[in-house]
């Protein structure tokens, strides 16, 4: 039965995605009774586009016209079963130091204390060479012992050799600190690339999720 694969993909397809709430801190987040996956990256990495592409929803996650001003944890309920969390990025120059410090404190509390957080998807722009802020954040997650995956975005913007060069440079840098690489996804919101692999990954984890 060669149809099984396509049926499985259809089961993973996101049929329903709803914005639930925007929280300023961990204590305001929804009850941690469903598996949760957080998305984070530097400004202009294509986070909103990727979330919208995964959810088949053009305007679910809105791109801020003033990046770096929001310091909220945005929850979206997916298929009534799990959460996507849109986290503000790191490394913004426009934020005042006080605002940045306050958000970094809240972000750390969220990452440390959110019991139902299954994975942080760290978004990395495949068009550019390794950025210190991305590597620092990955090592920060390691220190906190938070599971993460690396998601290369905008892979349609480069030819194969340019893409391979940048992604290899980045993974080589990661291996300077880590014994092995985490799960890696190559995505393009424009071409809907990486969608099935990411949803399959989430689906496998959801199957074994136990409420905290």
Protein backbone atom coordinates (compact mmCIF):
# COMPACT_ATOMS: atom_id res chain seq x y z
CA UNK A 1 0.00 0.00 0.00
CA UNK A 2 2.02 2.94 -1.22
CA UNK A 3 -0.63 5.36 0.06
CA UNK A 4 0.38 4.93 3.70
CA UNK A 5 3.05 7.62 3.59
CA UNK A 6 0.69 10.28 2.27
CA UNK A 7 -1.99 9.31 4.80
CA UNK A 8 0.56 9.69 7.59
CA UNK A 9 1.56 13.14 6.31
CA UNK A 10 -2.14 14.13 6.19
CA UNK A 11 -2.57 13.08 9.81
CA UNK A 12 0.28 15.41 10.77
CA UNK A 13 -1.08 18.32 8.75
CA UNK A 14 -2.09 21.28 10.89
CA UNK A 15 -5.82 21.71 10.42
CA UNK A 16 -6.45 24.18 13.22
CA UNK A 17 -4.21 26.87 14.69
CA UNK A 18 -5.47 29.49 17.12
CA UNK A 19 -3.74 32.35 18.92
CA UNK A 20 -4.30 31.76 22.65
CA UNK A 21 -2.48 34.39 24.66
CA UNK A 22 0.49 36.69 24.92
CA UNK A 23 2.33 36.45 28.24
CA UNK A 24 4.93 38.76 29.70
CA UNK A 25 6.30 36.10 32.02
CA UNK A 26 6.24 32.39 32.83
CA UNK A 27 3.52 32.64 35.48
CA UNK A 28 1.08 34.09 32.90
CA UNK A 29 1.54 31.22 30.40
CA UNK A 30 -1.28 28.71 29.78
CA UNK A 31 -1.50 25.60 31.96
CA UNK A 32 1.41 23.31 30.98
CA UNK A 33 -0.78 20.33 30.11
CA UNK A 34 0.10 20.01 26.41
CA UNK A 35 3.44 19.53 24.64
CA UNK A 36 5.03 22.82 23.63
CA UNK A 37 7.57 23.84 20.97
CA UNK A 38 9.22 27.25 21.07
CA UNK A 39 10.57 29.16 18.05
CA UNK A 40 13.31 31.74 18.47
CA UNK A 41 15.94 33.48 16.34
CA UNK A 42 17.55 36.78 15.54
CA UNK A 43 15.63 39.64 13.95
CA UNK A 44 14.70 39.03 10.29
CA UNK A 45 15.42 35.29 10.42
CA UNK A 46 11.96 34.54 8.99
CA UNK A 47 10.31 33.24 12.17
CA UNK A 48 6.77 34.49 11.48
CA UNK A 49 6.91 33.19 7.89
CA UNK A 50 8.06 29.76 9.07
CA UNK A 51 5.33 29.46 11.74
CA UNK A 52 2.69 30.60 9.24
CA UNK A 53 3.98 28.10 6.65
CA UNK A 54 3.87 25.19 9.12
CA UNK A 55 0.31 26.12 10.11
CA UNK A 56 -1.03 26.84 6.60
CA UNK A 57 -2.05 30.22 7.93
CA UNK A 58 -0.82 33.39 6.26
CA UNK A 59 -1.37 35.70 9.22
CA UNK A 60 -1.15 33.55 12.33
CA UNK A 61 2.19 34.91 13.51
CA UNK A 62 2.48 38.55 12.59
CA UNK A 63 5.77 40.17 11.72
CA UNK A 64 6.41 43.11 14.01
CA UNK A 65 6.94 46.38 12.15
CA UNK A 66 9.26 47.39 14.96
CA UNK A 67 11.36 44.31 15.69
CA UNK A 68 12.70 44.00 19.18
CA UNK A 69 9.99 46.03 20.89
CA UNK A 70 7.81 43.11 21.99
CA UNK A 71 8.85 41.06 24.98
CA UNK A 72 5.98 38.62 25.05
CA UNK A 73 5.61 34.84 24.94
CA UNK A 74 2.95 34.13 22.29
CA UNK A 75 1.07 30.82 22.50
CA UNK A 76 -0.74 29.22 19.55
CA UNK A 77 -2.85 26.09 20.09
CA UNK A 78 -2.36 23.57 17.28
CA UNK A 79 -5.02 20.96 16.40
CA UNK A 80 -6.30 21.38 20.01
CA UNK A 81 -3.37 19.14 21.05
CA UNK A 82 -0.08 21.06 21.29
CA UNK A 83 1.41 24.56 21.43
CA UNK A 84 3.68 26.56 19.18
CA UNK A 85 5.32 29.36 21.13
CA UNK A 86 6.66 32.42 19.34
CA UNK A 87 9.45 33.90 21.45
CA UNK A 88 10.95 37.34 20.82
CA UNK A 89 14.41 37.16 19.31
CA UNK A 90 17.76 37.83 20.86
CA UNK A 91 20.54 40.21 19.93
CA UNK A 92 18.39 43.25 19.15
CA UNK A 93 20.31 46.51 19.07
CA UNK A 94 17.18 48.71 19.23
CA UNK A 95 16.05 47.64 22.68
CA UNK A 96 17.18 49.69 25.64
CA UNK A 97 19.57 47.85 27.93
CA UNK A 98 16.98 47.73 30.74
CA UNK A 99 14.33 46.24 28.45
CA UNK A 100 16.81 43.74 27.08
CA UNK A 101 17.95 42.63 30.55
CA UNK A 102 14.34 42.32 31.76
CA UNK A 103 13.37 40.19 28.77
CA UNK A 104 16.48 38.00 29.07
CA UNK A 105 15.57 37.32 32.71
CA UNK A 106 11.99 36.36 31.76
CA UNK A 107 13.21 34.25 28.85
CA UNK A 108 15.57 32.33 31.13
CA UNK A 109 12.74 31.76 33.65
CA UNK A 110 10.53 30.44 30.84
CA UNK A 111 13.23 28.13 29.45
CA UNK A 112 14.17 26.81 32.90
CA UNK A 113 10.69 26.51 34.34
CA UNK A 114 8.31 25.49 31.55
CA UNK A 115 7.85 21.78 32.28
CA UNK A 116 5.95 20.97 29.07
CA UNK A 117 8.56 22.54 26.76
CA UNK A 118 9.67 19.68 24.50
CA UNK A 119 12.05 21.46 22.13
CA UNK A 120 13.31 24.93 21.22
CA UNK A 121 13.65 25.44 17.48
CA UNK A 122 16.60 27.81 17.06
CA UNK A 123 16.20 29.54 13.70
CA UNK A 124 19.38 30.37 11.79
CA UNK A 125 19.55 32.34 8.53
CA UNK A 126 21.16 30.03 5.95
CA UNK A 127 22.20 33.03 3.81
CA UNK A 128 24.82 34.34 6.20
CA UNK A 129 27.97 33.17 7.94
CA UNK A 130 27.80 31.97 11.57
CA UNK A 131 26.68 34.66 14.00
CA UNK A 132 28.04 34.82 17.55
CA UNK A 133 24.58 35.52 19.03
CA UNK A 134 23.17 32.28 17.54
CA UNK A 135 26.06 30.20 18.85
CA UNK A 136 25.89 31.86 22.27
CA UNK A 137 22.18 31.15 22.52
CA UNK A 138 22.66 27.48 21.59
CA UNK A 139 25.34 27.14 24.28
CA UNK A 140 23.02 28.92 26.74
CA UNK A 141 20.32 26.28 26.05
CA UNK A 142 22.95 23.62 26.67
CA UNK A 143 23.79 25.16 30.02
CA UNK A 144 20.09 25.12 30.95
CA UNK A 145 19.78 21.54 29.63
CA UNK A 146 16.91 22.51 27.33
CA UNK A 147 16.43 20.26 24.26
CA UNK A 148 16.79 22.14 20.96
CA UNK A 149 16.96 21.73 17.19
CA UNK A 150 18.61 23.96 14.63
CA UNK A 151 16.37 25.19 11.81
CA UNK A 152 18.11 26.79 8.83
CA UNK A 153 15.71 29.26 7.19
CA UNK A 154 15.47 30.92 3.75
CA UNK A 155 17.25 28.06 1.99
CA UNK A 156 15.59 29.06 -1.30
CA UNK A 157 17.59 32.30 -1.37
CA UNK A 158 20.93 30.60 -2.11
CA UNK A 159 22.21 28.07 -4.58
CA UNK A 160 23.13 24.62 -3.31
CA UNK A 161 26.85 25.33 -2.86
CA UNK A 162 26.31 28.63 -1.01
CA UNK A 163 23.77 27.00 1.26
CA UNK A 164 25.99 23.99 1.98
CA UNK A 165 28.96 26.25 2.72
CA UNK A 166 27.09 28.40 5.28
CA UNK A 167 25.34 25.50 6.98
CA UNK A 168 28.60 23.54 7.23
CA UNK A 169 30.43 26.57 8.65
CA UNK A 170 27.71 26.86 11.28
CA UNK A 171 27.58 23.18 12.22
CA UNK A 172 31.40 23.08 12.41
CA UNK A 173 31.22 25.96 14.90
CA UNK A 174 28.58 24.12 16.95
CA UNK A 175 30.84 21.05 17.04
CA UNK A 176 33.58 23.13 18.62
CA UNK A 177 31.40 23.13 21.76
CA UNK A 178 29.27 20.00 21.38
CA UNK A 179 30.12 16.31 20.94
CA UNK A 180 27.32 15.83 18.43
CA UNK A 181 24.84 17.87 16.47
CA UNK A 182 21.16 18.13 17.42
CA UNK A 183 18.40 17.45 14.89
CA UNK A 184 18.77 19.87 11.97
CA UNK A 185 16.08 21.07 9.55
CA UNK A 186 16.51 22.96 6.27
CA UNK A 187 13.47 25.11 5.55
CA UNK A 188 12.03 27.59 3.10
CA UNK A 189 8.73 29.29 3.91
CA UNK A 190 8.38 30.28 0.23
CA UNK A 191 8.81 26.74 -1.08
CA UNK A 192 7.18 25.06 1.96
CA UNK A 193 10.40 23.11 2.38
CA UNK A 194 11.05 21.26 5.65
CA UNK A 195 7.41 21.33 6.72
CA UNK A 196 6.75 17.57 6.65
CA UNK A 197 10.01 16.74 8.45
CA UNK A 198 9.37 19.27 11.21
CA UNK A 199 5.77 18.13 11.73
CA UNK A 200 6.86 14.47 11.75
CA UNK A 201 9.46 15.33 14.43
CA UNK A 202 6.80 17.07 16.56
CA UNK A 203 4.34 14.22 16.03
CA UNK A 204 6.84 11.60 17.25
CA UNK A 205 7.54 13.59 20.44
CA UNK A 206 3.82 14.26 21.04
CA UNK A 207 3.18 10.49 21.00
CA UNK A 208 5.38 10.00 24.08
CA UNK A 209 4.48 13.22 25.93
CA UNK A 210 3.51 12.71 29.58
CA UNK A 211 1.78 15.56 31.43
CA UNK A 212 4.08 17.09 34.07
